[in-house]
Amino acid sequence: MSTVQITQSDLQASLPDTTSDIHTDHIKNEVSITRDIHGIPHVKSANTYDAFFGQGFATAQDRL
């Protein structure tokens, strides 16, 4: 049996980029995605369509 050591650096590298602004033509208004201390995304937007887009984006960040 072999042992693999995972470092803090490894964990940090696997987290999504949450500091960049991303611009797209697929939403009508601004969408804000913030994450709490546990990494849970909180999506705020002016309408439902944009909220679902933001939720999908946050999910994609977590999965990739």
PDB file of N, CA and C in Angstrom:
ATOM      1  N   MET A   1       0.843  -1.164   0.000  1.00  0.00           N
ATOM      2  CA  MET A   1       0.000   0.000   0.000  1.00  0.00           C
ATOM      3  C   MET A   1       0.897   1.239   0.000  1.00  0.00           C
ATOM      4  N   SER A   2       0.615   2.174  -0.907  1.00  0.00           N
ATOM      5  CA  SER A   2       1.406   3.400  -0.952  1.00  0.00           C
ATOM      6  C   SER A   2       0.609   4.556  -0.352  1.00  0.00           C
ATOM      7  N   THR A   3       1.328   5.540   0.128  1.00  0.00           N
ATOM      8  CA  THR A   3       0.710   6.703   0.749  1.00  0.00           C
ATOM      9  C   THR A   3       0.927   7.921  -0.142  1.00  0.00           C
ATOM     10  N   VAL A   4      -0.133   8.669  -0.363  1.00  0.00           N
ATOM     11  CA  VAL A   4      -0.049   9.897  -1.147  1.00  0.00           C
ATOM     12  C   VAL A   4      -0.296  11.061  -0.202  1.00  0.00           C
ATOM     13  N   GLN A   5       0.598  12.021  -0.234  1.00  0.00           N
ATOM     14  CA  GLN A   5       0.447  13.178   0.633  1.00  0.00           C
ATOM     15  C   GLN A   5      -0.131  14.336  -0.170  1.00  0.00           C
ATOM     16  N   ILE A   6      -1.236  14.873   0.305  1.00  0.00           N
ATOM     17  CA  ILE A   6      -1.868  16.030  -0.323  1.00  0.00           C
ATOM     18  C   ILE A   6      -1.534  17.247   0.520  1.00  0.00           C
ATOM     19  N   THR A   7      -0.953  18.244  -0.126  1.00  0.00           N
ATOM     20  CA  THR A   7      -0.528  19.440   0.595  1.00  0.00           C
ATOM     21  C   THR A   7      -1.580  20.542   0.505  1.00  0.00           C
ATOM     22  N   GLN A   8      -1.410  21.566   1.319  1.00  0.00           N
ATOM     23  CA  GLN A   8      -2.294  22.733   1.269  1.00  0.00           C
ATOM     24  C   GLN A   8      -2.245  23.372  -0.113  1.00  0.00           C
ATOM     25  N   SER A   9      -1.081  23.380  -0.717  1.00  0.00           N
ATOM     26  CA  SER A   9      -0.910  23.931  -2.062  1.00  0.00           C
ATOM     27  C   SER A   9      -1.748  23.158  -3.084  1.00  0.00           C
ATOM     28  N   ASP A  10      -1.793  21.840  -2.948  1.00  0.00           N
ATOM     29  CA  ASP A  10      -2.617  21.013  -3.838  1.00  0.00           C
ATOM     30  C   ASP A  10      -4.091  21.379  -3.702  1.00  0.00           C
ATOM     31  N   LEU A  11      -4.534  21.562  -2.478  1.00  0.00           N
ATOM     32  CA  LEU A  11      -5.934  21.904  -2.236  1.00  0.00           C
ATOM     33  C   LEU A  11      -6.274  23.283  -2.794  1.00  0.00           C
ATOM     34  N   GLN A  12      -5.400  24.257  -2.592  1.00  0.00           N
ATOM     35  CA  GLN A  12      -5.627  25.606  -3.095  1.00  0.00           C
ATOM     36  C   GLN A  12      -5.685  25.615  -4.622  1.00  0.00           C
ATOM     37  N   ALA A  13      -4.851  24.828  -5.264  1.00  0.00           N
ATOM     38  CA  ALA A  13      -4.804  24.788  -6.726  1.00  0.00           C
ATOM     39  C   ALA A  13      -6.082  24.208  -7.322  1.00  0.00           C
ATOM     40  N   SER A  14      -6.818  23.428  -6.557  1.00  0.00           N
ATOM     41  CA  SER A  14      -8.026  22.801  -7.079  1.00  0.00           C
ATOM     42  C   SER A  14      -9.266  23.677  -6.929  1.00  0.00           C
ATOM     43  N   LEU A  15      -9.142  24.814  -6.247  1.00  0.00           N
ATOM     44  CA  LEU A  15     -10.288  25.698  -6.049  1.00  0.00           C
ATOM     45  C   LEU A  15     -10.529  26.560  -7.285  1.00  0.00           C
ATOM     46  N   PRO A  16     -11.791  26.914  -7.556  1.00  0.00           N
ATOM     47  CA  PRO A  16     -12.079  27.750  -8.722  1.00  0.00           C
ATOM     48  C   PRO A  16     -11.606  29.186  -8.519  1.00  0.00           C
ATOM     49  N   ASP A  17     -11.364  29.875  -9.626  1.00  0.00           N
ATOM     50  CA  ASP A  17     -11.003  31.293  -9.586  1.00  0.00           C
ATOM     51  C   ASP A  17     -12.256  32.090  -9.236  1.00  0.00           C
ATOM     52  N   THR A  18     -12.252  32.720  -8.088  1.00  0.00           N
ATOM     53  CA  THR A  18     -13.424  33.482  -7.648  1.00  0.00           C
ATOM     54  C   THR A  18     -13.143  34.974  -7.591  1.00  0.00           C
ATOM     55  N   THR A  19     -12.024  35.408  -8.130  1.00  0.00           N
ATOM     56  CA  THR A  19     -11.662  36.823  -8.042  1.00  0.00           C
ATOM     57  C   THR A  19     -11.804  37.564  -9.367  1.00  0.00           C
ATOM     58  N   SER A  20     -11.939  36.857 -10.460  1.00  0.00           N
ATOM     59  CA  SER A  20     -11.991  37.497 -11.775  1.00  0.00           C
ATOM     60  C   SER A  20     -13.411  37.915 -12.141  1.00  0.00           C
ATOM     61  N   ASP A  21     -13.509  38.991 -12.902  1.00  0.00           N
ATOM     62  CA  ASP A  21     -14.781  39.385 -13.503  1.00  0.00           C
ATOM     63  C   ASP A  21     -14.863  38.735 -14.874  1.00  0.00           C
ATOM     64  N   ILE A  22     -16.004  38.168 -15.178  1.00  0.00           N
ATOM     65  CA  ILE A  22     -16.203  37.513 -16.465  1.00  0.00           C
ATOM     66  C   ILE A  22     -17.372  38.201 -17.160  1.00  0.00           C
ATOM     67  N   HIS A  23     -17.204  38.502 -18.426  1.00  0.00           N
ATOM     68  CA  HIS A  23     -18.232  39.195 -19.191  1.00  0.00           C
ATOM     69  C   HIS A  23     -18.762  38.270 -20.279  1.00  0.00           C
ATOM     70  N   THR A  24     -20.094  38.251 -20.433  1.00  0.00           N
ATOM     71  CA  THR A  24     -20.722  37.413 -21.443  1.00  0.00           C
ATOM     72  C   THR A  24     -21.977  38.103 -21.965  1.00  0.00           C
ATOM     73  N   ASP A  25     -22.359  37.772 -23.170  1.00  0.00           N
ATOM     74  CA  ASP A  25     -23.582  38.316 -23.764  1.00  0.00           C
ATOM     75  C   ASP A  25     -24.806  37.463 -23.436  1.00  0.00           C
ATOM     76  N   HIS A  26     -24.631  36.402 -22.655  1.00  0.00           N
ATOM     77  CA  HIS A  26     -25.715  35.457 -22.385  1.00  0.00           C
ATOM     78  C   HIS A  26     -26.623  35.862 -21.228  1.00  0.00           C
ATOM     79  N   ILE A  27     -26.295  36.931 -20.527  1.00  0.00           N
ATOM     80  CA  ILE A  27     -27.144  37.386 -19.423  1.00  0.00           C
ATOM     81  C   ILE A  27     -27.591  38.819 -19.692  1.00  0.00           C
ATOM     82  N   LYS A  28     -28.706  39.199 -19.065  1.00  0.00           N
ATOM     83  CA  LYS A  28     -29.271  40.530 -19.294  1.00  0.00           C
ATOM     84  C   LYS A  28     -28.771  41.555 -18.288  1.00  0.00           C
ATOM     85  N   ASN A  29     -28.537  41.130 -17.058  1.00  0.00           N
ATOM     86  CA  ASN A  29     -28.104  42.024 -15.988  1.00  0.00           C
ATOM     87  C   ASN A  29     -26.908  41.416 -15.263  1.00  0.00           C
ATOM     88  N   GLU A  30     -26.370  42.169 -14.342  1.00  0.00           N
ATOM     89  CA  GLU A  30     -25.215  41.697 -13.582  1.00  0.00           C
ATOM     90  C   GLU A  30     -25.600  40.532 -12.672  1.00  0.00           C
ATOM     91  N   VAL A  31     -24.704  39.559 -12.586  1.00  0.00           N
ATOM     92  CA  VAL A  31     -24.868  38.419 -11.685  1.00  0.00           C
ATOM     93  C   VAL A  31     -23.683  38.420 -10.729  1.00  0.00           C
ATOM     94  N   SER A  32     -23.967  38.275  -9.454  1.00  0.00           N
ATOM     95  CA  SER A  32     -22.917  38.232  -8.442  1.00  0.00           C
ATOM     96  C   SER A  32     -22.890  36.844  -7.815  1.00  0.00           C
ATOM     97  N   ILE A  33     -21.716  36.236  -7.815  1.00  0.00           N
ATOM     98  CA  ILE A  33     -21.541  34.930  -7.178  1.00  0.00           C
ATOM     99  C   ILE A  33     -20.500  35.100  -6.082  1.00  0.00           C
ATOM    100  N   THR A  34     -20.930  34.940  -4.852  1.00  0.00           N
ATOM    101  CA  THR A  34     -20.002  34.990  -3.725  1.00  0.00           C
ATOM    102  C   THR A  34     -20.009  33.628  -3.056  1.00  0.00           C
ATOM    103  N   ARG A  35     -18.938  33.311  -2.397  1.00  0.00           N
ATOM    104  CA  ARG A  35     -18.839  32.025  -1.704  1.00  0.00           C
ATOM    105  C   ARG A  35     -18.586  32.275  -0.228  1.00  0.00           C
ATOM    106  N   ASP A  36     -19.257  31.499   0.602  1.00  0.00           N
ATOM    107  CA  ASP A  36     -19.055  31.649   2.045  1.00  0.00           C
ATOM    108  C   ASP A  36     -17.777  30.920   2.463  1.00  0.00           C
ATOM    109  N   ILE A  37     -17.507  30.886   3.748  1.00  0.00           N
ATOM    110  CA  ILE A  37     -16.252  30.299   4.223  1.00  0.00           C
ATOM    111  C   ILE A  37     -16.153  28.801   3.937  1.00  0.00           C
ATOM    112  N   HIS A  38     -17.281  28.177   3.614  1.00  0.00           N
ATOM    113  CA  HIS A  38     -17.290  26.747   3.292  1.00  0.00           C
ATOM    114  C   HIS A  38     -17.241  26.503   1.782  1.00  0.00           C
ATOM    115  N   GLY A  39     -17.185  27.580   0.989  1.00  0.00           N
ATOM    116  CA  GLY A  39     -17.125  27.448  -0.461  1.00  0.00           C
ATOM    117  C   GLY A  39     -18.483  27.317  -1.127  1.00  0.00           C
ATOM    118  N   ILE A  40     -19.560  27.507  -0.370  1.00  0.00           N
ATOM    119  CA  ILE A  40     -20.909  27.397  -0.926  1.00  0.00           C
ATOM    120  C   ILE A  40     -21.215  28.668  -1.720  1.00  0.00           C
ATOM    121  N   PRO A  41     -21.604  28.529  -3.013  1.00  0.00           N
ATOM    122  CA  PRO A  41     -21.887  29.725  -3.809  1.00  0.00           C
ATOM    123  C   PRO A  41     -23.254  30.327  -3.471  1.00  0.00           C
ATOM    124  N   HIS A  42     -23.298  31.655  -3.465  1.00  0.00           N
ATOM    125  CA  HIS A  42     -24.537  32.409  -3.268  1.00  0.00           C
ATOM    126  C   HIS A  42     -24.684  33.318  -4.480  1.00  0.00           C
ATOM    127  N   VAL A  43     -25.753  33.098  -5.256  1.00  0.00           N
ATOM    128  CA  VAL A  43     -25.957  33.806  -6.513  1.00  0.00           C
ATOM    129  C   VAL A  43     -27.003  34.895  -6.319  1.00  0.00           C
ATOM    130  N   LYS A  44     -26.676  36.106  -6.768  1.00  0.00           N
ATOM    131  CA  LYS A  44     -27.622  37.224  -6.721  1.00  0.00           C
ATOM    132  C   LYS A  44     -27.727  37.814  -8.114  1.00  0.00           C
ATOM    133  N   SER A  45     -28.970  38.068  -8.529  1.00  0.00           N
ATOM    134  CA  SER A  45     -29.203  38.671  -9.840  1.00  0.00           C
ATOM    135  C   SER A  45     -30.554  39.377  -9.830  1.00  0.00           C
ATOM    136  N   ALA A  46     -30.810  40.126 -10.892  1.00  0.00           N
ATOM    137  CA  ALA A  46     -32.048  40.895 -10.990  1.00  0.00           C
ATOM    138  C   ALA A  46     -33.215  40.069 -11.529  1.00  0.00           C
ATOM    139  N   ASN A  47     -32.927  38.919 -12.142  1.00  0.00           N
ATOM    140  CA  ASN A  47     -34.017  38.109 -12.692  1.00  0.00           C
ATOM    141  C   ASN A  47     -33.679  36.625 -12.602  1.00  0.00           C
ATOM    142  N   THR A  48     -34.687  35.810 -12.794  1.00  0.00           N
ATOM    143  CA  THR A  48     -34.546  34.359 -12.641  1.00  0.00           C
ATOM    144  C   THR A  48     -33.605  33.756 -13.677  1.00  0.00           C
ATOM    145  N   TYR A  49     -33.716  34.198 -14.926  1.00  0.00           N
ATOM    146  CA  TYR A  49     -32.869  33.648 -15.986  1.00  0.00           C
ATOM    147  C   TYR A  49     -31.394  33.821 -15.641  1.00  0.00           C
ATOM    148  N   ASP A  50     -31.029  35.033 -15.249  1.00  0.00           N
ATOM    149  CA  ASP A  50     -29.629  35.304 -14.913  1.00  0.00           C
ATOM    150  C   ASP A  50     -29.194  34.535 -13.668  1.00  0.00           C
ATOM    151  N   ALA A  51     -30.110  34.347 -12.719  1.00  0.00           N
ATOM    152  CA  ALA A  51     -29.789  33.572 -11.512  1.00  0.00           C
ATOM    153  C   ALA A  51     -29.470  32.126 -11.877  1.00  0.00           C
ATOM    154  N   PHE A  52     -30.267  31.547 -12.777  1.00  0.00           N
ATOM    155  CA  PHE A  52     -30.000  30.170 -13.199  1.00  0.00           C
ATOM    156  C   PHE A  52     -28.684  30.075 -13.969  1.00  0.00           C
ATOM    157  N   PHE A  53     -28.383  31.079 -14.773  1.00  0.00           N
ATOM    158  CA  PHE A  53     -27.102  31.098 -15.480  1.00  0.00           C
ATOM    159  C   PHE A  53     -25.954  31.128 -14.470  1.00  0.00           C
ATOM    160  N   GLY A  54     -26.073  31.982 -13.459  1.00  0.00           N
ATOM    161  CA  GLY A  54     -25.045  32.077 -12.422  1.00  0.00           C
ATOM    162  C   GLY A  54     -24.895  30.787 -11.645  1.00  0.00           C
ATOM    163  N   GLN A  55     -26.014  30.145 -11.341  1.00  0.00           N
ATOM    164  CA  GLN A  55     -25.969  28.875 -10.610  1.00  0.00           C
ATOM    165  C   GLN A  55     -25.274  27.812 -11.456  1.00  0.00           C
ATOM    166  N   GLY A  56     -25.572  27.789 -12.739  1.00  0.00           N
ATOM    167  CA  GLY A  56     -24.916  26.838 -13.635  1.00  0.00           C
ATOM    168  C   GLY A  56     -23.425  27.110 -13.748  1.00  0.00           C
ATOM    169  N   PHE A  57     -23.066  28.387 -13.791  1.00  0.00           N
ATOM    170  CA  PHE A  57     -21.655  28.756 -13.866  1.00  0.00           C
ATOM    171  C   PHE A  57     -20.912  28.312 -12.612  1.00  0.00           C
ATOM    172  N   ALA A  58     -21.509  28.556 -11.443  1.00  0.00           N
ATOM    173  CA  ALA A  58     -20.879  28.153 -10.178  1.00  0.00           C
ATOM    174  C   ALA A  58     -20.736  26.635 -10.098  1.00  0.00           C
ATOM    175  N   THR A  59     -21.740  25.917 -10.565  1.00  0.00           N
ATOM    176  CA  THR A  59     -21.674  24.455 -10.579  1.00  0.00           C
ATOM    177  C   THR A  59     -20.552  23.977 -11.494  1.00  0.00           C
ATOM    178  N   ALA A  60     -20.429  24.610 -12.655  1.00  0.00           N
ATOM    179  CA  ALA A  60     -19.356  24.241 -13.585  1.00  0.00           C
ATOM    180  C   ALA A  60     -17.985  24.517 -12.970  1.00  0.00           C
ATOM    181  N   GLN A  61     -17.847  25.638 -12.263  1.00  0.00           N
ATOM    182  CA  GLN A  61     -16.573  25.931 -11.588  1.00  0.00           C
ATOM    183  C   GLN A  61     -16.216  24.814 -10.611  1.00  0.00           C
ATOM    184  N   ASP A  62     -17.195  24.361  -9.864  1.00  0.00           N
ATOM    185  CA  ASP A  62     -16.944  23.322  -8.864  1.00  0.00           C
ATOM    186  C   ASP A  62     -16.594  21.981  -9.503  1.00  0.00           C
ATOM    187  N   ARG A  63     -17.170  21.695 -10.651  1.00  0.00           N
ATOM    188  CA  ARG A  63     -16.968  20.390 -11.270  1.00  0.00           C
ATOM    189  C   ARG A  63     -15.701  20.318 -12.102  1.00  0.00           C
ATOM    190  N   LEU A  64     -15.221  21.460 -12.573  1.00  0.00           N
ATOM    191  CA  LEU A  64     -14.022  21.437 -13.415  1.00  0.00           C
ATOM    192  C   LEU A  64     -12.870  21.734 -12.542  1.00  0.00           C
TER     193      LEU A  64
END
